Amino acid sequence: MEEIDKLMLTLKKLEESHLTPEVRSSSLELDRLLADNFFEFGSSGTIYWKADCIVDEGVEVRQMSLYDFNVHPLSPDVVLTTYRVEDTTRQQSTLRSSIWKYIDGRWQMFFHQGTIKK
């Protein structure tokens, strides 16, 4: 398997884990997944920081599925991921992008953006 394929599998698994109730409802798991300087431009237009996500109850849990996943390496330790999410809880589709950084021996999400698809 080529390096890009391994990278794609690793980051897709991390992105999918971020959608699960087990991770979204765990401040411990979110703390591990998100870089210390993480921020997000939510599909609502709200800006979120890591501290907004690392609360006792985690972040909102919804039923979501990931599609059309791609990786775009920006440097050896920084990768942009792009994909589409179908959110059956809110009955909407969003385009998503994340920037992942390889920090202290593991990939962590540095930035995330969701844009509602019309």
PDB file of N, CA and C in Angstrom:
ATOM      1  N   MET A   1       0.842  -1.179   0.000  1.00  0.00           N
ATOM      2  CA  MET A   1       0.000   0.000   0.000  1.00  0.00           C
ATOM      3  C   MET A   1       0.887   1.242   0.000  1.00  0.00           C
ATOM      4  N   GLU A   2       0.548   2.202  -0.831  1.00  0.00           N
ATOM      5  CA  GLU A   2       1.340   3.423  -0.934  1.00  0.00           C
ATOM      6  C   GLU A   2       1.107   4.329   0.267  1.00  0.00           C
ATOM      7  N   GLU A   3       2.061   5.229   0.505  1.00  0.00           N
ATOM      8  CA  GLU A   3       1.977   6.143   1.651  1.00  0.00           C
ATOM      9  C   GLU A   3       0.710   6.993   1.628  1.00  0.00           C
ATOM     10  N   ILE A   4       0.325   7.474   0.455  1.00  0.00           N
ATOM     11  CA  ILE A   4      -0.870   8.323   0.371  1.00  0.00           C
ATOM     12  C   ILE A   4      -2.121   7.529   0.747  1.00  0.00           C
ATOM     13  N   ASP A   5      -2.151   6.238   0.377  1.00  0.00           N
ATOM     14  CA  ASP A   5      -3.291   5.394   0.731  1.00  0.00           C
ATOM     15  C   ASP A   5      -3.349   5.156   2.237  1.00  0.00           C
ATOM     16  N   LYS A   6      -2.193   4.937   2.858  1.00  0.00           N
ATOM     17  CA  LYS A   6      -2.132   4.762   4.314  1.00  0.00           C
ATOM     18  C   LYS A   6      -2.586   6.035   5.021  1.00  0.00           C
ATOM     19  N   LEU A   7      -2.115   7.164   4.515  1.00  0.00           N
ATOM     20  CA  LEU A   7      -2.496   8.452   5.087  1.00  0.00           C
ATOM     21  C   LEU A   7      -4.008   8.657   4.974  1.00  0.00           C
ATOM     22  N   MET A   8      -4.558   8.333   3.808  1.00  0.00           N
ATOM     23  CA  MET A   8      -5.993   8.488   3.595  1.00  0.00           C
ATOM     24  C   MET A   8      -6.784   7.615   4.569  1.00  0.00           C
ATOM     25  N   LEU A   9      -6.378   6.363   4.744  1.00  0.00           N
ATOM     26  CA  LEU A   9      -7.076   5.464   5.671  1.00  0.00           C
ATOM     27  C   LEU A   9      -6.996   5.957   7.108  1.00  0.00           C
ATOM     28  N   THR A  10      -5.820   6.409   7.508  1.00  0.00           N
ATOM     29  CA  THR A  10      -5.624   6.902   8.875  1.00  0.00           C
ATOM     30  C   THR A  10      -6.502   8.112   9.155  1.00  0.00           C
ATOM     31  N   LEU A  11      -6.465   9.094   8.264  1.00  0.00           N
ATOM     32  CA  LEU A  11      -7.224  10.324   8.494  1.00  0.00           C
ATOM     33  C   LEU A  11      -8.727  10.115   8.319  1.00  0.00           C
ATOM     34  N   LYS A  12      -9.122   9.239   7.414  1.00  0.00           N
ATOM     35  CA  LYS A  12     -10.551   8.943   7.275  1.00  0.00           C
ATOM     36  C   LYS A  12     -11.072   8.304   8.558  1.00  0.00           C
ATOM     37  N   LYS A  13     -10.299   7.397   9.122  1.00  0.00           N
ATOM     38  CA  LYS A  13     -10.701   6.758  10.381  1.00  0.00           C
ATOM     39  C   LYS A  13     -10.846   7.801  11.492  1.00  0.00           C
ATOM     40  N   LEU A  14      -9.919   8.751  11.559  1.00  0.00           N
ATOM     41  CA  LEU A  14     -10.003   9.809  12.571  1.00  0.00           C
ATOM     42  C   LEU A  14     -11.211  10.711  12.335  1.00  0.00           C
ATOM     43  N   GLU A  15     -11.453  11.086  11.081  1.00  0.00           N
ATOM     44  CA  GLU A  15     -12.620  11.925  10.772  1.00  0.00           C
ATOM     45  C   GLU A  15     -13.912  11.188  11.123  1.00  0.00           C
ATOM     46  N   GLU A  16     -13.989   9.906  10.777  1.00  0.00           N
ATOM     47  CA  GLU A  16     -15.189   9.132  11.093  1.00  0.00           C
ATOM     48  C   GLU A  16     -15.377   9.000  12.600  1.00  0.00           C
ATOM     49  N   SER A  17     -14.272   8.843  13.330  1.00  0.00           N
ATOM     50  CA  SER A  17     -14.382   8.729  14.792  1.00  0.00           C
ATOM     51  C   SER A  17     -14.941  10.020  15.384  1.00  0.00           C
ATOM     52  N   HIS A  18     -14.581  11.147  14.777  1.00  0.00           N
ATOM     53  CA  HIS A  18     -15.056  12.450  15.250  1.00  0.00           C
ATOM     54  C   HIS A  18     -16.577  12.588  15.114  1.00  0.00           C
ATOM     55  N   LEU A  19     -17.187  11.772  14.268  1.00  0.00           N
ATOM     56  CA  LEU A  19     -18.636  11.814  14.067  1.00  0.00           C
ATOM     57  C   LEU A  19     -19.396  10.894  15.023  1.00  0.00           C
ATOM     58  N   THR A  20     -18.687  10.005  15.729  1.00  0.00           N
ATOM     59  CA  THR A  20     -19.357   9.016  16.577  1.00  0.00           C
ATOM     60  C   THR A  20     -19.782   9.608  17.918  1.00  0.00           C
ATOM     61  N   PRO A  21     -20.888   9.114  18.472  1.00  0.00           N
ATOM     62  CA  PRO A  21     -21.324   9.576  19.798  1.00  0.00           C
ATOM     63  C   PRO A  21     -20.268   9.335  20.880  1.00  0.00           C
ATOM     64  N   GLU A  22     -19.518   8.235  20.770  1.00  0.00           N
ATOM     65  CA  GLU A  22     -18.506   7.903  21.770  1.00  0.00           C
ATOM     66  C   GLU A  22     -17.432   8.982  21.869  1.00  0.00           C
ATOM     67  N   VAL A  23     -17.033   9.544  20.743  1.00  0.00           N
ATOM     68  CA  VAL A  23     -16.009  10.596  20.739  1.00  0.00           C
ATOM     69  C   VAL A  23     -16.649  11.961  20.999  1.00  0.00           C
ATOM     70  N   ARG A  24     -17.746  12.256  20.324  1.00  0.00           N
ATOM     71  CA  ARG A  24     -18.376  13.579  20.451  1.00  0.00           C
ATOM     72  C   ARG A  24     -18.853  13.875  21.867  1.00  0.00           C
ATOM     73  N   SER A  25     -19.195  12.834  22.624  1.00  0.00           N
ATOM     74  CA  SER A  25     -19.697  13.039  23.988  1.00  0.00           C
ATOM     75  C   SER A  25     -18.611  12.890  25.053  1.00  0.00           C
ATOM     76  N   SER A  26     -17.360  12.708  24.629  1.00  0.00           N
ATOM     77  CA  SER A  26     -16.261  12.502  25.579  1.00  0.00           C
ATOM     78  C   SER A  26     -15.260  13.652  25.518  1.00  0.00           C
ATOM     79  N   SER A  27     -15.191  14.433  26.582  1.00  0.00           N
ATOM     80  CA  SER A  27     -14.212  15.526  26.599  1.00  0.00           C
ATOM     81  C   SER A  27     -12.791  14.973  26.541  1.00  0.00           C
ATOM     82  N   LEU A  28     -12.561  13.791  27.105  1.00  0.00           N
ATOM     83  CA  LEU A  28     -11.235  13.170  27.068  1.00  0.00           C
ATOM     84  C   LEU A  28     -10.834  12.810  25.637  1.00  0.00           C
ATOM     85  N   GLU A  29     -11.750  12.188  24.896  1.00  0.00           N
ATOM     86  CA  GLU A  29     -11.464  11.813  23.501  1.00  0.00           C
ATOM     87  C   GLU A  29     -11.293  13.050  22.623  1.00  0.00           C
ATOM     88  N   LEU A  30     -12.137  14.049  22.825  1.00  0.00           N
ATOM     89  CA  LEU A  30     -12.010  15.281  22.042  1.00  0.00           C
ATOM     90  C   LEU A  30     -10.702  15.994  22.349  1.00  0.00           C
ATOM     91  N   ASP A  31     -10.288  15.990  23.598  1.00  0.00           N
ATOM     92  CA  ASP A  31      -9.024  16.614  23.982  1.00  0.00           C
ATOM     93  C   ASP A  31      -7.857  15.952  23.270  1.00  0.00           C
ATOM     94  N   ARG A  32      -7.923  14.636  23.113  1.00  0.00           N
ATOM     95  CA  ARG A  32      -6.860  13.892  22.426  1.00  0.00           C
ATOM     96  C   ARG A  32      -6.892  14.144  20.912  1.00  0.00           C
ATOM     97  N   LEU A  33      -8.073  14.255  20.347  1.00  0.00           N
ATOM     98  CA  LEU A  33      -8.230  14.402  18.897  1.00  0.00           C
ATOM     99  C   LEU A  33      -7.902  15.810  18.401  1.00  0.00           C
ATOM    100  N   LEU A  34      -8.246  16.816  19.197  1.00  0.00           N
ATOM    101  CA  LEU A  34      -8.093  18.211  18.767  1.00  0.00           C
ATOM    102  C   LEU A  34      -6.769  18.795  19.241  1.00  0.00           C
ATOM    103  N   ALA A  35      -6.078  19.496  18.350  1.00  0.00           N
ATOM    104  CA  ALA A  35      -4.830  20.179  18.713  1.00  0.00           C
ATOM    105  C   ALA A  35      -5.141  21.277  19.728  1.00  0.00           C
ATOM    106  N   ASP A  36      -4.159  21.649  20.512  1.00  0.00           N
ATOM    107  CA  ASP A  36      -4.368  22.665  21.548  1.00  0.00           C
ATOM    108  C   ASP A  36      -4.875  23.987  20.980  1.00  0.00           C
ATOM    109  N   ASN A  37      -4.441  24.342  19.766  1.00  0.00           N
ATOM    110  CA  ASN A  37      -4.867  25.605  19.155  1.00  0.00           C
ATOM    111  C   ASN A  37      -5.960  25.395  18.091  1.00  0.00           C
ATOM    112  N   PHE A  38      -6.742  24.321  18.234  1.00  0.00           N
ATOM    113  CA  PHE A  38      -7.835  24.006  17.315  1.00  0.00           C
ATOM    114  C   PHE A  38      -8.880  25.127  17.286  1.00  0.00           C
ATOM    115  N   PHE A  39      -9.405  25.380  16.075  1.00  0.00           N
ATOM    116  CA  PHE A  39     -10.578  26.234  15.930  1.00  0.00           C
ATOM    117  C   PHE A  39     -11.407  25.752  14.751  1.00  0.00           C
ATOM    118  N   GLU A  40     -12.677  26.153  14.747  1.00  0.00           N
ATOM    119  CA  GLU A  40     -13.623  25.693  13.734  1.00  0.00           C
ATOM    120  C   GLU A  40     -14.527  26.831  13.303  1.00  0.00           C
ATOM    121  N   PHE A  41     -14.806  26.890  11.999  1.00  0.00           N
ATOM    122  CA  PHE A  41     -15.858  27.737  11.465  1.00  0.00           C
ATOM    123  C   PHE A  41     -17.047  26.814  11.227  1.00  0.00           C
ATOM    124  N   GLY A  42     -18.033  26.853  12.118  1.00  0.00           N
ATOM    125  CA  GLY A  42     -19.187  25.972  12.016  1.00  0.00           C
ATOM    126  C   GLY A  42     -20.092  26.342  10.854  1.00  0.00           C
ATOM    127  N   SER A  43     -20.926  25.385  10.445  1.00  0.00           N
ATOM    128  CA  SER A  43     -21.847  25.641   9.334  1.00  0.00           C
ATOM    129  C   SER A  43     -22.859  26.730   9.682  1.00  0.00           C
ATOM    130  N   SER A  44     -23.013  27.017  10.978  1.00  0.00           N
ATOM    131  CA  SER A  44     -23.910  28.092  11.427  1.00  0.00           C
ATOM    132  C   SER A  44     -23.262  29.464  11.327  1.00  0.00           C
ATOM    133  N   GLY A  45     -21.945  29.480  11.078  1.00  0.00           N
ATOM    134  CA  GLY A  45     -21.207  30.734  11.060  1.00  0.00           C
ATOM    135  C   GLY A  45     -20.532  31.037  12.385  1.00  0.00           C
ATOM    136  N   THR A  46     -20.749  30.181  13.368  1.00  0.00           N
ATOM    137  CA  THR A  46     -20.140  30.355  14.686  1.00  0.00           C
ATOM    138  C   THR A  46     -18.693  29.876  14.669  1.00  0.00           C
ATOM    139  N   ILE A  47     -17.824  30.599  15.368  1.00  0.00           N
ATOM    140  CA  ILE A  47     -16.434  30.171  15.531  1.00  0.00           C
ATOM    141  C   ILE A  47     -16.328  29.438  16.860  1.00  0.00           C
ATOM    142  N   TYR A  48     -15.764  28.239  16.811  1.00  0.00           N
ATOM    143  CA  TYR A  48     -15.562  27.424  18.009  1.00  0.00           C
ATOM    144  C   TYR A  48     -14.071  27.235  18.242  1.00  0.00           C
ATOM    145  N   TRP A  49     -13.683  27.191  19.508  1.00  0.00           N
ATOM    146  CA  TRP A  49     -12.307  26.928  19.917  1.00  0.00           C
ATOM    147  C   TRP A  49     -12.279  25.600  20.653  1.00  0.00           C
ATOM    148  N   LYS A  50     -11.111  25.048  20.848  1.00  0.00           N
ATOM    149  CA  LYS A  50     -11.003  23.768  21.546  1.00  0.00           C
ATOM    150  C   LYS A  50     -11.721  23.823  22.889  1.00  0.00           C
ATOM    151  N   ALA A  51     -11.558  24.900  23.622  1.00  0.00           N
ATOM    152  CA  ALA A  51     -12.188  25.020  24.945  1.00  0.00           C
ATOM    153  C   ALA A  51     -13.712  24.928  24.867  1.00  0.00           C
ATOM    154  N   ASP A  52     -14.300  25.327  23.731  1.00  0.00           N
ATOM    155  CA  ASP A  52     -15.749  25.223  23.556  1.00  0.00           C
ATOM    156  C   ASP A  52     -16.193  23.767  23.403  1.00  0.00           C
ATOM    157  N   CYS A  53     -15.274  22.916  22.952  1.00  0.00           N
ATOM    158  CA  CYS A  53     -15.584  21.503  22.698  1.00  0.00           C
ATOM    159  C   CYS A  53     -15.257  20.617  23.893  1.00  0.00           C
ATOM    160  N   ILE A  54     -14.250  21.014  24.661  1.00  0.00           N
ATOM    161  CA  ILE A  54     -13.780  20.191  25.779  1.00  0.00           C
ATOM    162  C   ILE A  54     -14.564  20.568  27.034  1.00  0.00           C
ATOM    163  N   VAL A  55     -15.812  20.164  27.041  1.00  0.00           N
ATOM    164  CA  VAL A  55     -16.687  20.373  28.194  1.00  0.00           C
ATOM    165  C   VAL A  55     -17.178  18.994  28.633  1.00  0.00           C
ATOM    166  N   ASP A  56     -17.758  18.899  29.800  1.00  0.00           N
ATOM    167  CA  ASP A  56     -18.150  17.599  30.355  1.00  0.00           C
ATOM    168  C   ASP A  56     -18.952  16.735  29.394  1.00  0.00           C
ATOM    169  N   GLU A  57     -19.905  17.350  28.702  1.00  0.00           N
ATOM    170  CA  GLU A  57     -20.781  16.575  27.821  1.00  0.00           C
ATOM    171  C   GLU A  57     -20.270  16.484  26.386  1.00  0.00           C
ATOM    172  N   GLY A  58     -19.108  17.071  26.077  1.00  0.00           N
ATOM    173  CA  GLY A  58     -18.574  17.044  24.723  1.00  0.00           C
ATOM    174  C   GLY A  58     -19.345  17.986  23.816  1.00  0.00           C
ATOM    175  N   VAL A  59     -19.496  17.601  22.553  1.00  0.00           N
ATOM    176  CA  VAL A  59     -20.227  18.418  21.582  1.00  0.00           C
ATOM    177  C   VAL A  59     -21.514  17.696  21.187  1.00  0.00           C
ATOM    178  N   GLU A  60     -22.378  18.401  20.495  1.00  0.00           N
ATOM    179  CA  GLU A  60     -23.685  17.853  20.117  1.00  0.00           C
ATOM    180  C   GLU A  60     -23.541  16.534  19.360  1.00  0.00           C
ATOM    181  N   VAL A  61     -24.322  15.545  19.773  1.00  0.00           N
ATOM    182  CA  VAL A  61     -24.308  14.234  19.127  1.00  0.00           C
ATOM    183  C   VAL A  61     -25.437  14.179  18.112  1.00  0.00           C
ATOM    184  N   ARG A  62     -25.084  13.811  16.880  1.00  0.00           N
ATOM    185  CA  ARG A  62     -26.064  13.681  15.800  1.00  0.00           C
ATOM    186  C   ARG A  62     -25.741  12.421  15.003  1.00  0.00           C
ATOM    187  N   GLN A  63     -26.683  11.975  14.198  1.00  0.00           N
ATOM    188  CA  GLN A  63     -26.482  10.824  13.322  1.00  0.00           C
ATOM    189  C   GLN A  63     -25.922  11.336  11.998  1.00  0.00           C
ATOM    190  N   MET A  64     -24.636  11.027  11.715  1.00  0.00           N
ATOM    191  CA  MET A  64     -23.978  11.557  10.523  1.00  0.00           C
ATOM    192  C   MET A  64     -23.198  10.463   9.806  1.00  0.00           C
ATOM    193  N   SER A  65     -23.118  10.578   8.478  1.00  0.00           N
ATOM    194  CA  SER A  65     -22.333   9.665   7.650  1.00  0.00           C
ATOM    195  C   SER A  65     -21.421  10.470   6.739  1.00  0.00           C
ATOM    196  N   LEU A  66     -20.208   9.959   6.516  1.00  0.00           N
ATOM    197  CA  LEU A  66     -19.166  10.643   5.748  1.00  0.00           C
ATOM    198  C   LEU A  66     -19.064  10.034   4.350  1.00  0.00           C
ATOM    199  N   TYR A  67     -18.924  10.887   3.305  1.00  0.00           N
ATOM    200  CA  TYR A  67     -18.811  10.452   1.915  1.00  0.00           C
ATOM    201  C   TYR A  67     -17.756  11.283   1.183  1.00  0.00           C
ATOM    202  N   ASP A  68     -17.293  10.766   0.044  1.00  0.00           N
ATOM    203  CA  ASP A  68     -16.412  11.502  -0.879  1.00  0.00           C
ATOM    204  C   ASP A  68     -15.154  12.033  -0.189  1.00  0.00           C
ATOM    205  N   PHE A  69     -14.511  11.194   0.601  1.00  0.00           N
ATOM    206  CA  PHE A  69     -13.351  11.607   1.384  1.00  0.00           C
ATOM    207  C   PHE A  69     -12.105  11.711   0.506  1.00  0.00           C
ATOM    208  N   ASN A  70     -11.349  12.809   0.678  1.00  0.00           N
ATOM    209  CA  ASN A  70     -10.086  13.013  -0.033  1.00  0.00           C
ATOM    210  C   ASN A  70      -9.059  13.642   0.892  1.00  0.00           C
ATOM    211  N   VAL A  71      -7.785  13.359   0.619  1.00  0.00           N
ATOM    212  CA  VAL A  71      -6.693  13.998   1.354  1.00  0.00           C
ATOM    213  C   VAL A  71      -5.868  14.826   0.382  1.00  0.00           C
ATOM    214  N   HIS A  72      -5.356  15.950   0.890  1.00  0.00           N
ATOM    215  CA  HIS A  72      -4.548  16.873   0.104  1.00  0.00           C
ATOM    216  C   HIS A  72      -3.344  17.259   0.965  1.00  0.00           C
ATOM    217  N   PRO A  73      -2.227  16.523   0.841  1.00  0.00           N
ATOM    218  CA  PRO A  73      -1.050  16.851   1.659  1.00  0.00           C
ATOM    219  C   PRO A  73      -0.549  18.259   1.348  1.00  0.00           C
ATOM    220  N   LEU A  74      -0.308  19.038   2.398  1.00  0.00           N
ATOM    221  CA  LEU A  74       0.220  20.394   2.266  1.00  0.00           C
ATOM    222  C   LEU A  74       1.709  20.437   2.590  1.00  0.00           C
ATOM    223  N   SER A  75       2.148  19.523   3.436  1.00  0.00           N
ATOM    224  CA  SER A  75       3.558  19.343   3.792  1.00  0.00           C
ATOM    225  C   SER A  75       3.657  17.945   4.399  1.00  0.00           C
ATOM    226  N   PRO A  76       4.852  17.481   4.760  1.00  0.00           N
ATOM    227  CA  PRO A  76       4.953  16.135   5.338  1.00  0.00           C
ATOM    228  C   PRO A  76       4.133  15.938   6.620  1.00  0.00           C
ATOM    229  N   ASP A  77       3.886  17.012   7.370  1.00  0.00           N
ATOM    230  CA  ASP A  77       3.164  16.861   8.635  1.00  0.00           C
ATOM    231  C   ASP A  77       1.879  17.697   8.721  1.00  0.00           C
ATOM    232  N   VAL A  78       1.379  18.153   7.568  1.00  0.00           N
ATOM    233  CA  VAL A  78       0.121  18.914   7.523  1.00  0.00           C
ATOM    234  C   VAL A  78      -0.690  18.430   6.318  1.00  0.00           C
ATOM    235  N   VAL A  79      -1.963  18.072   6.577  1.00  0.00           N
ATOM    236  CA  VAL A  79      -2.819  17.538   5.516  1.00  0.00           C
ATOM    237  C   VAL A  79      -4.202  18.179   5.597  1.00  0.00           C
ATOM    238  N   LEU A  80      -4.726  18.558   4.436  1.00  0.00           N
ATOM    239  CA  LEU A  80      -6.099  19.029   4.315  1.00  0.00           C
ATOM    240  C   LEU A  80      -6.963  17.829   3.931  1.00  0.00           C
ATOM    241  N   THR A  81      -8.066  17.616   4.647  1.00  0.00           N
ATOM    242  CA  THR A  81      -9.035  16.598   4.254  1.00  0.00           C
ATOM    243  C   THR A  81     -10.317  17.303   3.822  1.00  0.00           C
ATOM    244  N   THR A  82     -10.970  16.746   2.808  1.00  0.00           N
ATOM    245  CA  THR A  82     -12.246  17.283   2.335  1.00  0.00           C
ATOM    246  C   THR A  82     -13.219  16.120   2.183  1.00  0.00           C
ATOM    247  N   TYR A  83     -14.489  16.383   2.481  1.00  0.00           N
ATOM    248  CA  TYR A  83     -15.503  15.339   2.391  1.00  0.00           C
ATOM    249  C   TYR A  83     -16.889  15.952   2.530  1.00  0.00           C
ATOM    250  N   ARG A  84     -17.886  15.106   2.396  1.00  0.00           N
ATOM    251  CA  ARG A  84     -19.286  15.499   2.532  1.00  0.00           C
ATOM    252  C   ARG A  84     -19.891  14.710   3.681  1.00  0.00           C
ATOM    253  N   VAL A  85     -20.764  15.340   4.451  1.00  0.00           N
ATOM    254  CA  VAL A  85     -21.450  14.665   5.550  1.00  0.00           C
ATOM    255  C   VAL A  85     -22.956  14.775   5.348  1.00  0.00           C
ATOM    256  N   GLU A  86     -23.636  13.653   5.488  1.00  0.00           N
ATOM    257  CA  GLU A  86     -25.097  13.624   5.522  1.00  0.00           C
ATOM    258  C   GLU A  86     -25.498  13.529   6.986  1.00  0.00           C
ATOM    259  N   ASP A  87     -26.190  14.542   7.466  1.00  0.00           N
ATOM    260  CA  ASP A  87     -26.641  14.623   8.854  1.00  0.00           C
ATOM    261  C   ASP A  87     -28.131  14.304   8.870  1.00  0.00           C
ATOM    262  N   THR A  88     -28.477  13.074   9.265  1.00  0.00           N
ATOM    263  CA  THR A  88     -29.885  12.678   9.260  1.00  0.00           C
ATOM    264  C   THR A  88     -30.645  13.279  10.436  1.00  0.00           C
ATOM    265  N   THR A  89     -29.943  13.678  11.481  1.00  0.00           N
ATOM    266  CA  THR A  89     -30.598  14.322  12.622  1.00  0.00           C
ATOM    267  C   THR A  89     -31.166  15.676  12.215  1.00  0.00           C
ATOM    268  N   ARG A  90     -30.355  16.466  11.499  1.00  0.00           N
ATOM    269  CA  ARG A  90     -30.794  17.805  11.085  1.00  0.00           C
ATOM    270  C   ARG A  90     -31.298  17.845   9.644  1.00  0.00           C
ATOM    271  N   GLN A  91     -31.308  16.694   8.969  1.00  0.00           N
ATOM    272  CA  GLN A  91     -31.774  16.604   7.585  1.00  0.00           C
ATOM    273  C   GLN A  91     -31.053  17.598   6.683  1.00  0.00           C
ATOM    274  N   GLN A  92     -29.703  17.550   6.730  1.00  0.00           N
ATOM    275  CA  GLN A  92     -28.937  18.438   5.860  1.00  0.00           C
ATOM    276  C   GLN A  92     -27.629  17.782   5.444  1.00  0.00           C
ATOM    277  N   SER A  93     -27.102  18.296   4.361  1.00  0.00           N
ATOM    278  CA  SER A  93     -25.822  17.850   3.828  1.00  0.00           C
ATOM    279  C   SER A  93     -24.833  19.001   3.957  1.00  0.00           C
ATOM    280  N   THR A  94     -23.608  18.690   4.378  1.00  0.00           N
ATOM    281  CA  THR A  94     -22.582  19.728   4.503  1.00  0.00           C
ATOM    282  C   THR A  94     -21.307  19.291   3.803  1.00  0.00           C
ATOM    283  N   LEU A  95     -20.593  20.277   3.294  1.00  0.00           N
ATOM    284  CA  LEU A  95     -19.242  20.068   2.793  1.00  0.00           C
ATOM    285  C   LEU A  95     -18.313  20.377   3.951  1.00  0.00           C
ATOM    286  N   ARG A  96     -17.307  19.536   4.157  1.00  0.00           N
ATOM    287  CA  ARG A  96     -16.418  19.684   5.307  1.00  0.00           C
ATOM    288  C   ARG A  96     -14.963  19.712   4.854  1.00  0.00           C
ATOM    289  N   SER A  97     -14.166  20.438   5.626  1.00  0.00           N
ATOM    290  CA  SER A  97     -12.716  20.413   5.426  1.00  0.00           C
ATOM    291  C   SER A  97     -12.058  20.501   6.793  1.00  0.00           C
ATOM    292  N   SER A  98     -10.947  19.798   6.919  1.00  0.00           N
ATOM    293  CA  SER A  98     -10.170  19.817   8.156  1.00  0.00           C
ATOM    294  C   SER A  98      -8.701  19.916   7.799  1.00  0.00           C
ATOM    295  N   ILE A  99      -7.955  20.580   8.651  1.00  0.00           N
ATOM    296  CA  ILE A  99      -6.498  20.570   8.536  1.00  0.00           C
ATOM    297  C   ILE A  99      -5.978  19.768   9.716  1.00  0.00           C
ATOM    298  N   TRP A 100      -5.201  18.746   9.403  1.00  0.00           N
ATOM    299  CA  TRP A 100      -4.605  17.868  10.402  1.00  0.00           C
ATOM    300  C   TRP A 100      -3.107  18.125  10.473  1.00  0.00           C
ATOM    301  N   LYS A 101      -2.579  18.149  11.688  1.00  0.00           N
ATOM    302  CA  LYS A 101      -1.137  18.296  11.900  1.00  0.00           C
ATOM    303  C   LYS A 101      -0.624  17.077  12.652  1.00  0.00           C
ATOM    304  N   TYR A 102       0.569  16.629  12.269  1.00  0.00           N
ATOM    305  CA  TYR A 102       1.210  15.518  12.976  1.00  0.00           C
ATOM    306  C   TYR A 102       1.992  16.120  14.137  1.00  0.00           C
ATOM    307  N   ILE A 103       1.472  15.927  15.359  1.00  0.00           N
ATOM    308  CA  ILE A 103       2.016  16.554  16.565  1.00  0.00           C
ATOM    309  C   ILE A 103       2.313  15.471  17.594  1.00  0.00           C
ATOM    310  N   ASP A 104       3.519  15.461  18.107  1.00  0.00           N
ATOM    311  CA  ASP A 104       3.894  14.515  19.170  1.00  0.00           C
ATOM    312  C   ASP A 104       3.544  13.071  18.824  1.00  0.00           C
ATOM    313  N   GLY A 105       3.822  12.681  17.579  1.00  0.00           N
ATOM    314  CA  GLY A 105       3.650  11.287  17.182  1.00  0.00           C
ATOM    315  C   GLY A 105       2.245  10.865  16.803  1.00  0.00           C
ATOM    316  N   ARG A 106       1.325  11.825  16.661  1.00  0.00           N
ATOM    317  CA  ARG A 106      -0.033  11.458  16.238  1.00  0.00           C
ATOM    318  C   ARG A 106      -0.674  12.622  15.470  1.00  0.00           C
ATOM    319  N   TRP A 107      -1.679  12.278  14.671  1.00  0.00           N
ATOM    320  CA  TRP A 107      -2.418  13.283  13.919  1.00  0.00           C
ATOM    321  C   TRP A 107      -3.463  13.927  14.820  1.00  0.00           C
ATOM    322  N   GLN A 108      -3.505  15.271  14.788  1.00  0.00           N
ATOM    323  CA  GLN A 108      -4.502  16.019  15.539  1.00  0.00           C
ATOM    324  C   GLN A 108      -5.156  17.046  14.614  1.00  0.00           C
ATOM    325  N   MET A 109      -6.455  17.253  14.826  1.00  0.00           N
ATOM    326  CA  MET A 109      -7.191  18.222  14.028  1.00  0.00           C
ATOM    327  C   MET A 109      -6.851  19.631  14.516  1.00  0.00           C
ATOM    328  N   PHE A 110      -6.371  20.457  13.585  1.00  0.00           N
ATOM    329  CA  PHE A 110      -5.981  21.835  13.879  1.00  0.00           C
ATOM    330  C   PHE A 110      -7.093  22.823  13.504  1.00  0.00           C
ATOM    331  N   PHE A 111      -7.794  22.526  12.402  1.00  0.00           N
ATOM    332  CA  PHE A 111      -8.839  23.421  11.893  1.00  0.00           C
ATOM    333  C   PHE A 111      -9.945  22.584  11.274  1.00  0.00           C
ATOM    334  N   HIS A 112     -11.174  23.081  11.365  1.00  0.00           N
ATOM    335  CA  HIS A 112     -12.310  22.402  10.740  1.00  0.00           C
ATOM    336  C   HIS A 112     -13.311  23.447  10.256  1.00  0.00           C
ATOM    337  N   GLN A 113     -13.940  23.168   9.115  1.00  0.00           N
ATOM    338  CA  GLN A 113     -14.994  24.046   8.605  1.00  0.00           C
ATOM    339  C   GLN A 113     -16.109  23.198   8.023  1.00  0.00           C
ATOM    340  N   GLY A 114     -17.344  23.600   8.303  1.00  0.00           N
ATOM    341  CA  GLY A 114     -18.517  22.973   7.713  1.00  0.00           C
ATOM    342  C   GLY A 114     -19.321  24.021   6.960  1.00  0.00           C
ATOM    343  N   THR A 115     -19.738  23.687   5.740  1.00  0.00           N
ATOM    344  CA  THR A 115     -20.537  24.597   4.923  1.00  0.00           C
ATOM    345  C   THR A 115     -21.790  23.861   4.472  1.00  0.00           C
ATOM    346  N   ILE A 116     -22.954  24.406   4.766  1.00  0.00           N
ATOM    347  CA  ILE A 116     -24.208  23.768   4.377  1.00  0.00           C
ATOM    348  C   ILE A 116     -24.309  23.733   2.858  1.00  0.00           C
ATOM    349  N   LYS A 117     -24.644  22.550   2.346  1.00  0.00           N
ATOM    350  CA  LYS A 117     -24.796  22.361   0.904  1.00  0.00           C
ATOM    351  C   LYS A 117     -26.251  22.629   0.536  1.00  0.00           C
ATOM    352  N   LYS A 118     -26.451  23.519  -0.416  1.00  0.00           N
ATOM    353  CA  LYS A 118     -27.820  23.881  -0.856  1.00  0.00           C
ATOM    354  C   LYS A 118     -28.290  22.939  -1.924  1.00  0.00           C
TER     355      LYS A 118
END
